Amino acid sequence: MVKVCVALLIGFLWAVAPTLAVASPPPAASPSAGGGGSAWKQIYEDSQTVYYIGAASPPQTGRSEVQTLQEFKIPQVVNGAQVWSIVSRMQLSCDQRQMITVDDTLYALRMGAGPVVQLRAANDGWHQPEPGTLGGLVWSTACGKQ
């Protein structure tokens, strides 16, 4: 009887195994996805995230707007929803060496794609980005200055 039960169980598992899916990350979206159709240029990577900046070059003088994308290698959970990426909208003053984050949009898929999980206004003020920080890297990349 035990052998029959084991055989039935093995047969059942064999039959349903192709339909069982192991949770895996969603496929990466194309670089032109999300963020208003921007193409992205990678500017930094660490063990947990990859950072991108919108490839469209803003003017290197005066005020301009730029988008950045933070993509997680392991999804984060925000209010019970999976978040794979965050697109931040920033304003830069290249002449004044100042920047401000306007808002952040959290996405369910990579590269700023898929459903919006959350849109939140940034609690930020105009500030000078510190050299050696991500803000400094964003500013120097967008403004073309060191």
N, C-alpha and C. Protein backbone atom coordinates (compact mmCIF):
# COMPACT_ATOMS: atom_id res chain seq x y z
N MET A 1 0.82 -1.19 0.00
CA MET A 1 0.00 0.00 0.00
C MET A 1 0.87 1.27 0.00
N VAL A 2 1.92 1.26 0.81
CA VAL A 2 2.81 2.42 0.87
C VAL A 2 3.47 2.64 -0.48
N LYS A 3 3.89 1.52 -1.13
CA LYS A 3 4.53 1.65 -2.44
C LYS A 3 3.56 2.24 -3.46
N VAL A 4 2.30 1.88 -3.38
CA VAL A 4 1.30 2.41 -4.31
C VAL A 4 1.12 3.90 -4.08
N CYS A 5 1.04 4.31 -2.81
CA CYS A 5 0.88 5.74 -2.49
C CYS A 5 2.09 6.54 -2.96
N VAL A 6 3.28 6.03 -2.74
CA VAL A 6 4.50 6.71 -3.18
C VAL A 6 4.52 6.81 -4.70
N ALA A 7 4.14 5.71 -5.36
CA ALA A 7 4.12 5.72 -6.82
C ALA A 7 3.12 6.74 -7.34
N LEU A 8 1.94 6.82 -6.72
CA LEU A 8 0.94 7.80 -7.13
C LEU A 8 1.43 9.22 -6.89
N LEU A 9 2.06 9.43 -5.74
CA LEU A 9 2.59 10.76 -5.42
C LEU A 9 3.67 11.17 -6.41
N ILE A 10 4.58 10.26 -6.73
CA ILE A 10 5.64 10.55 -7.70
C ILE A 10 5.03 10.84 -9.06
N GLY A 11 4.04 10.03 -9.45
CA GLY A 11 3.38 10.25 -10.73
C GLY A 11 2.68 11.60 -10.77
N PHE A 12 2.03 11.99 -9.67
CA PHE A 12 1.37 13.28 -9.60
C PHE A 12 2.37 14.42 -9.72
N LEU A 13 3.46 14.33 -8.95
CA LEU A 13 4.48 15.37 -9.00
C LEU A 13 5.11 15.45 -10.38
N TRP A 14 5.33 14.32 -11.01
CA TRP A 14 5.91 14.30 -12.36
C TRP A 14 4.97 15.01 -13.34
N ALA A 15 3.67 14.79 -13.16
CA ALA A 15 2.68 15.37 -14.07
C ALA A 15 2.55 16.88 -13.89
N VAL A 16 2.63 17.36 -12.64
CA VAL A 16 2.44 18.80 -12.41
C VAL A 16 3.74 19.58 -12.37
N ALA A 17 4.86 18.90 -12.32
CA ALA A 17 6.15 19.59 -12.20
C ALA A 17 6.36 20.63 -13.30
N PRO A 18 6.00 20.32 -14.58
CA PRO A 18 6.22 21.36 -15.59
C PRO A 18 5.39 22.62 -15.36
N THR A 19 4.30 22.52 -14.60
CA THR A 19 3.47 23.70 -14.37
C THR A 19 3.88 24.46 -13.13
N LEU A 20 4.74 23.87 -12.30
CA LEU A 20 5.20 24.56 -11.11
C LEU A 20 6.31 25.51 -11.51
N ALA A 21 6.18 26.74 -11.13
CA ALA A 21 7.19 27.74 -11.50
C ALA A 21 7.90 28.20 -10.25
N VAL A 22 9.19 28.27 -10.34
CA VAL A 22 9.99 28.83 -9.26
C VAL A 22 9.96 30.33 -9.44
N ALA A 23 9.75 31.06 -8.35
CA ALA A 23 9.69 32.52 -8.44
C ALA A 23 11.01 33.04 -8.97
N SER A 24 10.95 33.82 -10.00
CA SER A 24 12.15 34.40 -10.57
C SER A 24 11.85 35.86 -10.88
N PRO A 25 12.88 36.66 -11.01
CA PRO A 25 12.64 38.07 -11.28
C PRO A 25 12.00 38.24 -12.65
N PRO A 26 11.21 39.28 -12.80
CA PRO A 26 10.64 39.55 -14.11
C PRO A 26 11.74 39.89 -15.09
N PRO A 27 11.51 39.66 -16.38
CA PRO A 27 12.54 40.00 -17.36
C PRO A 27 12.80 41.49 -17.36
N ALA A 28 14.04 41.84 -17.64
CA ALA A 28 14.40 43.25 -17.70
C ALA A 28 13.72 43.90 -18.89
N ALA A 29 13.24 45.09 -18.68
CA ALA A 29 12.62 45.83 -19.76
C ALA A 29 13.70 46.43 -20.63
N SER A 30 13.33 46.84 -21.80
CA SER A 30 14.29 47.46 -22.70
C SER A 30 14.75 48.79 -22.10
N PRO A 31 15.95 49.23 -22.47
CA PRO A 31 16.45 50.49 -21.91
C PRO A 31 15.56 51.68 -22.20
N SER A 32 14.67 51.58 -23.16
CA SER A 32 13.82 52.73 -23.46
C SER A 32 12.50 52.68 -22.71
N ALA A 33 12.31 51.67 -21.85
CA ALA A 33 11.06 51.56 -21.11
C ALA A 33 11.05 52.53 -19.94
N GLY A 34 9.84 52.89 -19.51
CA GLY A 34 9.67 53.71 -18.31
C GLY A 34 10.29 55.08 -18.45
N GLY A 35 10.09 55.88 -17.42
CA GLY A 35 10.72 57.19 -17.37
C GLY A 35 10.39 58.05 -18.58
N GLY A 36 9.19 57.87 -19.15
CA GLY A 36 8.81 58.70 -20.28
C GLY A 36 9.51 58.31 -21.57
N GLY A 37 9.97 57.07 -21.67
CA GLY A 37 10.61 56.61 -22.90
C GLY A 37 12.08 56.98 -22.97
N SER A 38 12.67 57.36 -21.88
CA SER A 38 14.07 57.73 -21.87
C SER A 38 14.96 56.52 -22.10
N ALA A 39 16.08 56.74 -22.75
CA ALA A 39 17.12 55.73 -22.81
C ALA A 39 17.98 55.97 -21.57
N TRP A 40 18.55 54.91 -21.03
CA TRP A 40 19.30 55.02 -19.79
C TRP A 40 20.77 54.74 -20.00
N LYS A 41 21.60 55.45 -19.25
CA LYS A 41 23.05 55.26 -19.26
C LYS A 41 23.47 54.88 -17.84
N GLN A 42 24.11 53.72 -17.69
CA GLN A 42 24.53 53.27 -16.37
C GLN A 42 25.67 54.15 -15.86
N ILE A 43 25.53 54.58 -14.59
CA ILE A 43 26.58 55.43 -14.01
C ILE A 43 27.22 54.81 -12.77
N TYR A 44 26.57 53.80 -12.17
CA TYR A 44 27.12 53.21 -10.95
C TYR A 44 26.45 51.86 -10.68
N GLU A 45 27.19 50.96 -10.06
CA GLU A 45 26.63 49.67 -9.66
C GLU A 45 27.30 49.22 -8.38
N ASP A 46 26.49 48.66 -7.48
CA ASP A 46 27.03 48.02 -6.29
C ASP A 46 26.38 46.65 -6.16
N SER A 47 26.53 46.00 -5.03
CA SER A 47 26.03 44.64 -4.87
C SER A 47 24.51 44.55 -4.81
N GLN A 48 23.83 45.67 -4.57
CA GLN A 48 22.37 45.63 -4.41
C GLN A 48 21.60 46.38 -5.49
N THR A 49 22.25 47.35 -6.13
CA THR A 49 21.52 48.19 -7.08
C THR A 49 22.40 48.58 -8.27
N VAL A 50 21.72 49.00 -9.33
CA VAL A 50 22.37 49.60 -10.49
C VAL A 50 21.71 50.96 -10.68
N TYR A 51 22.51 51.99 -10.88
CA TYR A 51 22.00 53.35 -11.04
C TYR A 51 22.22 53.80 -12.48
N TYR A 52 21.21 54.47 -13.02
CA TYR A 52 21.25 54.98 -14.38
C TYR A 52 20.85 56.45 -14.37
N ILE A 53 21.22 57.14 -15.44
CA ILE A 53 20.77 58.50 -15.66
C ILE A 53 20.17 58.54 -17.07
N GLY A 54 19.18 59.39 -17.26
CA GLY A 54 18.60 59.54 -18.59
C GLY A 54 19.68 59.92 -19.58
N ALA A 55 19.72 59.24 -20.71
CA ALA A 55 20.80 59.45 -21.67
C ALA A 55 20.69 60.78 -22.41
N ALA A 56 19.49 61.37 -22.44
CA ALA A 56 19.35 62.67 -23.09
C ALA A 56 20.17 63.70 -22.32
N SER A 57 21.02 64.40 -23.01
CA SER A 57 21.91 65.36 -22.34
C SER A 57 21.20 66.69 -22.13
N PRO A 58 21.02 67.10 -20.88
CA PRO A 58 20.45 68.42 -20.64
C PRO A 58 21.49 69.49 -20.94
N PRO A 59 21.04 70.73 -21.07
CA PRO A 59 22.02 71.81 -21.27
C PRO A 59 23.00 71.83 -20.10
N GLN A 60 24.23 72.16 -20.39
CA GLN A 60 25.23 72.17 -19.33
C GLN A 60 25.33 73.52 -18.64
N THR A 61 24.38 74.40 -18.93
CA THR A 61 24.28 75.67 -18.23
C THR A 61 22.81 75.88 -17.89
N GLY A 62 22.55 76.74 -16.92
CA GLY A 62 21.17 77.02 -16.53
C GLY A 62 20.52 75.85 -15.81
N ARG A 63 19.19 75.91 -15.73
CA ARG A 63 18.43 74.86 -15.06
C ARG A 63 17.94 73.84 -16.07
N SER A 64 17.93 72.59 -15.64
CA SER A 64 17.42 71.53 -16.49
C SER A 64 16.85 70.43 -15.63
N GLU A 65 16.13 69.53 -16.26
CA GLU A 65 15.56 68.39 -15.55
C GLU A 65 16.22 67.12 -16.05
N VAL A 66 16.44 66.19 -15.15
CA VAL A 66 17.04 64.91 -15.49
C VAL A 66 16.30 63.82 -14.72
N GLN A 67 16.29 62.63 -15.28
CA GLN A 67 15.71 61.49 -14.58
C GLN A 67 16.81 60.50 -14.26
N THR A 68 16.70 59.89 -13.09
CA THR A 68 17.60 58.82 -12.72
C THR A 68 16.77 57.58 -12.45
N LEU A 69 17.40 56.44 -12.58
CA LEU A 69 16.72 55.18 -12.34
C LEU A 69 17.58 54.33 -11.41
N GLN A 70 16.97 53.83 -10.37
CA GLN A 70 17.63 52.92 -9.44
C GLN A 70 16.95 51.56 -9.62
N GLU A 71 17.72 50.56 -10.02
CA GLU A 71 17.16 49.23 -10.22
C GLU A 71 17.74 48.30 -9.17
N PHE A 72 16.85 47.61 -8.47
CA PHE A 72 17.27 46.69 -7.42
C PHE A 72 17.60 45.32 -8.01
N LYS A 73 18.63 44.68 -7.47
CA LYS A 73 18.97 43.32 -7.89
C LYS A 73 18.07 42.30 -7.21
N ILE A 74 17.56 42.66 -6.06
CA ILE A 74 16.56 41.88 -5.33
C ILE A 74 15.42 42.84 -5.05
N PRO A 75 14.19 42.47 -5.40
CA PRO A 75 13.10 43.43 -5.24
C PRO A 75 12.88 43.84 -3.79
N GLN A 76 12.43 45.07 -3.63
CA GLN A 76 12.06 45.59 -2.32
C GLN A 76 10.55 45.47 -2.18
N VAL A 77 10.07 45.47 -0.95
CA VAL A 77 8.64 45.41 -0.72
C VAL A 77 8.21 46.74 -0.09
N VAL A 78 7.27 47.42 -0.73
CA VAL A 78 6.76 48.69 -0.25
C VAL A 78 5.24 48.56 -0.16
N ASN A 79 4.72 48.72 1.05
CA ASN A 79 3.27 48.58 1.29
C ASN A 79 2.71 47.29 0.72
N GLY A 80 3.47 46.20 0.86
CA GLY A 80 3.02 44.88 0.42
C GLY A 80 3.20 44.61 -1.05
N ALA A 81 3.78 45.53 -1.82
CA ALA A 81 3.97 45.33 -3.25
C ALA A 81 5.47 45.25 -3.57
N GLN A 82 5.81 44.43 -4.55
CA GLN A 82 7.19 44.30 -4.99
C GLN A 82 7.59 45.51 -5.81
N VAL A 83 8.79 46.04 -5.53
CA VAL A 83 9.34 47.17 -6.28
C VAL A 83 10.69 46.75 -6.83
N TRP A 84 10.83 46.81 -8.16
CA TRP A 84 12.10 46.47 -8.81
C TRP A 84 12.89 47.70 -9.18
N SER A 85 12.22 48.86 -9.35
CA SER A 85 12.96 50.04 -9.79
C SER A 85 12.27 51.32 -9.35
N ILE A 86 13.06 52.38 -9.26
CA ILE A 86 12.56 53.71 -8.89
C ILE A 86 13.11 54.72 -9.89
N VAL A 87 12.22 55.51 -10.47
CA VAL A 87 12.63 56.60 -11.35
C VAL A 87 12.45 57.90 -10.56
N SER A 88 13.54 58.65 -10.45
CA SER A 88 13.50 59.94 -9.75
C SER A 88 13.63 61.06 -10.76
N ARG A 89 12.80 62.07 -10.58
CA ARG A 89 12.86 63.27 -11.41
C ARG A 89 13.57 64.34 -10.61
N MET A 90 14.62 64.90 -11.19
CA MET A 90 15.44 65.90 -10.50
C MET A 90 15.56 67.15 -11.35
N GLN A 91 15.76 68.26 -10.67
CA GLN A 91 16.10 69.51 -11.35
C GLN A 91 17.53 69.85 -10.96
N LEU A 92 18.26 70.34 -11.95
CA LEU A 92 19.66 70.68 -11.73
C LEU A 92 19.89 72.13 -12.12
N SER A 93 20.75 72.77 -11.39
CA SER A 93 21.26 74.08 -11.77
C SER A 93 22.76 73.90 -11.97
N CYS A 94 23.14 73.70 -13.23
CA CYS A 94 24.55 73.44 -13.51
C CYS A 94 25.42 74.63 -13.15
N ASP A 95 24.91 75.84 -13.39
CA ASP A 95 25.69 77.05 -13.09
C ASP A 95 25.91 77.23 -11.58
N GLN A 96 24.90 76.91 -10.80
CA GLN A 96 24.96 77.13 -9.35
C GLN A 96 25.45 75.89 -8.58
N ARG A 97 25.70 74.79 -9.30
CA ARG A 97 26.09 73.51 -8.68
C ARG A 97 25.07 73.13 -7.60
N GLN A 98 23.80 73.08 -8.02
CA GLN A 98 22.70 72.76 -7.12
C GLN A 98 21.81 71.71 -7.76
N MET A 99 21.10 70.96 -6.91
CA MET A 99 20.13 69.98 -7.40
C MET A 99 19.02 69.79 -6.38
N ILE A 100 17.88 69.29 -6.87
CA ILE A 100 16.75 68.97 -6.02
C ILE A 100 16.01 67.79 -6.64
N THR A 101 15.59 66.86 -5.81
CA THR A 101 14.76 65.75 -6.28
C THR A 101 13.31 66.20 -6.17
N VAL A 102 12.57 66.10 -7.27
CA VAL A 102 11.18 66.54 -7.33
C VAL A 102 10.24 65.43 -6.86
N ASP A 103 10.37 64.24 -7.47
CA ASP A 103 9.52 63.13 -7.08
C ASP A 103 10.16 61.79 -7.46
N ASP A 104 9.62 60.73 -6.89
CA ASP A 104 10.07 59.37 -7.13
C ASP A 104 8.87 58.52 -7.53
N THR A 105 9.04 57.71 -8.57
CA THR A 105 7.99 56.80 -9.00
C THR A 105 8.53 55.38 -8.85
N LEU A 106 7.84 54.56 -8.04
CA LEU A 106 8.24 53.19 -7.78
C LEU A 106 7.50 52.27 -8.74
N TYR A 107 8.25 51.38 -9.40
CA TYR A 107 7.68 50.49 -10.42
C TYR A 107 7.77 49.03 -10.01
N ALA A 108 6.80 48.26 -10.49
CA ALA A 108 6.72 46.83 -10.19
C ALA A 108 7.71 46.01 -11.01
N LEU A 109 8.23 46.55 -12.10
CA LEU A 109 9.17 45.82 -12.94
C LEU A 109 10.48 46.57 -13.05
N ARG A 110 11.44 45.92 -13.68
CA ARG A 110 12.76 46.53 -13.86
C ARG A 110 12.71 47.67 -14.87
N MET A 111 13.73 48.50 -14.81
CA MET A 111 13.95 49.59 -15.76
C MET A 111 12.77 50.56 -15.86
N GLY A 112 12.08 50.79 -14.75
CA GLY A 112 10.98 51.75 -14.73
C GLY A 112 9.81 51.31 -15.58
N ALA A 113 9.53 50.01 -15.58
CA ALA A 113 8.45 49.47 -16.40
C ALA A 113 7.39 48.83 -15.50
N GLY A 114 6.25 48.53 -16.12
CA GLY A 114 5.18 47.85 -15.40
C GLY A 114 4.31 48.83 -14.62
N PRO A 115 3.45 48.26 -13.80
CA PRO A 115 2.55 49.11 -13.02
C PRO A 115 3.30 50.01 -12.03
N VAL A 116 2.76 51.19 -11.81
CA VAL A 116 3.31 52.09 -10.80
C VAL A 116 2.83 51.60 -9.44
N VAL A 117 3.78 51.35 -8.55
CA VAL A 117 3.46 50.92 -7.19
C VAL A 117 3.14 52.13 -6.33
N GLN A 118 3.91 53.19 -6.52
CA GLN A 118 3.72 54.40 -5.71
C GLN A 118 4.38 55.59 -6.40
N LEU A 119 3.74 56.74 -6.30
CA LEU A 119 4.32 58.00 -6.75
C LEU A 119 4.38 58.88 -5.52
N ARG A 120 5.57 59.38 -5.21
CA ARG A 120 5.69 60.19 -4.01
C ARG A 120 6.54 61.43 -4.28
N ALA A 121 6.06 62.53 -3.74
CA ALA A 121 6.82 63.77 -3.82
C ALA A 121 8.06 63.63 -2.94
N ALA A 122 9.15 64.16 -3.38
CA ALA A 122 10.38 64.10 -2.59
C ALA A 122 10.37 65.20 -1.55
N ASN A 123 10.87 64.90 -0.40
CA ASN A 123 11.01 65.88 0.67
C ASN A 123 12.44 66.40 0.60
N ASP A 124 12.70 67.22 -0.40
CA ASP A 124 14.06 67.66 -0.68
C ASP A 124 14.07 69.16 -0.90
N GLY A 125 15.21 69.76 -0.72
CA GLY A 125 15.41 71.17 -0.99
C GLY A 125 16.65 71.32 -1.87
N TRP A 126 16.79 72.48 -2.48
CA TRP A 126 17.98 72.72 -3.29
C TRP A 126 19.22 72.55 -2.43
N HIS A 127 20.20 71.84 -2.94
CA HIS A 127 21.44 71.61 -2.19
C HIS A 127 22.59 71.36 -3.16
N GLN A 128 23.80 71.54 -2.66
CA GLN A 128 24.98 71.22 -3.44
C GLN A 128 25.31 69.75 -3.22
N PRO A 129 25.44 69.00 -4.30
CA PRO A 129 25.80 67.59 -4.15
C PRO A 129 27.25 67.46 -3.70
N GLU A 130 27.48 66.54 -2.79
CA GLU A 130 28.83 66.31 -2.28
C GLU A 130 29.64 65.47 -3.27
N PRO A 131 30.88 65.85 -3.53
CA PRO A 131 31.74 65.03 -4.40
C PRO A 131 31.86 63.62 -3.79
N GLY A 132 31.87 62.62 -4.65
CA GLY A 132 32.02 61.23 -4.19
C GLY A 132 30.71 60.57 -3.79
N THR A 133 29.59 61.31 -3.86
CA THR A 133 28.29 60.72 -3.54
C THR A 133 27.55 60.45 -4.84
N LEU A 134 26.44 59.74 -4.73
CA LEU A 134 25.62 59.48 -5.91
C LEU A 134 25.08 60.79 -6.49
N GLY A 135 24.66 61.72 -5.62
CA GLY A 135 24.20 63.03 -6.09
C GLY A 135 25.29 63.76 -6.85
N GLY A 136 26.52 63.69 -6.34
CA GLY A 136 27.65 64.31 -7.03
C GLY A 136 27.90 63.69 -8.39
N LEU A 137 27.74 62.37 -8.46
CA LEU A 137 27.93 61.67 -9.73
C LEU A 137 26.84 62.04 -10.73
N VAL A 138 25.60 62.13 -10.25
CA VAL A 138 24.49 62.54 -11.12
C VAL A 138 24.74 63.95 -11.64
N TRP A 139 25.09 64.88 -10.75
CA TRP A 139 25.31 66.27 -11.15
C TRP A 139 26.45 66.37 -12.15
N SER A 140 27.60 65.73 -11.85
CA SER A 140 28.74 65.86 -12.76
C SER A 140 28.48 65.19 -14.11
N THR A 141 27.72 64.09 -14.12
CA THR A 141 27.40 63.42 -15.38
C THR A 141 26.45 64.28 -16.21
N ALA A 142 25.40 64.79 -15.57
CA ALA A 142 24.39 65.58 -16.29
C ALA A 142 24.94 66.93 -16.72
N CYS A 143 25.74 67.55 -15.88
CA CYS A 143 26.24 68.89 -16.19
C CYS A 143 27.58 68.86 -16.92
N GLY A 144 28.17 67.68 -17.04
CA GLY A 144 29.42 67.56 -17.77
C GLY A 144 30.58 68.23 -17.10
N LYS A 145 30.54 68.28 -15.77
CA LYS A 145 31.58 68.97 -15.01
C LYS A 145 32.07 68.07 -13.89
N GLN A 146 33.26 68.36 -13.40
CA GLN A 146 33.82 67.59 -12.29
C GLN A 146 33.83 68.39 -11.02
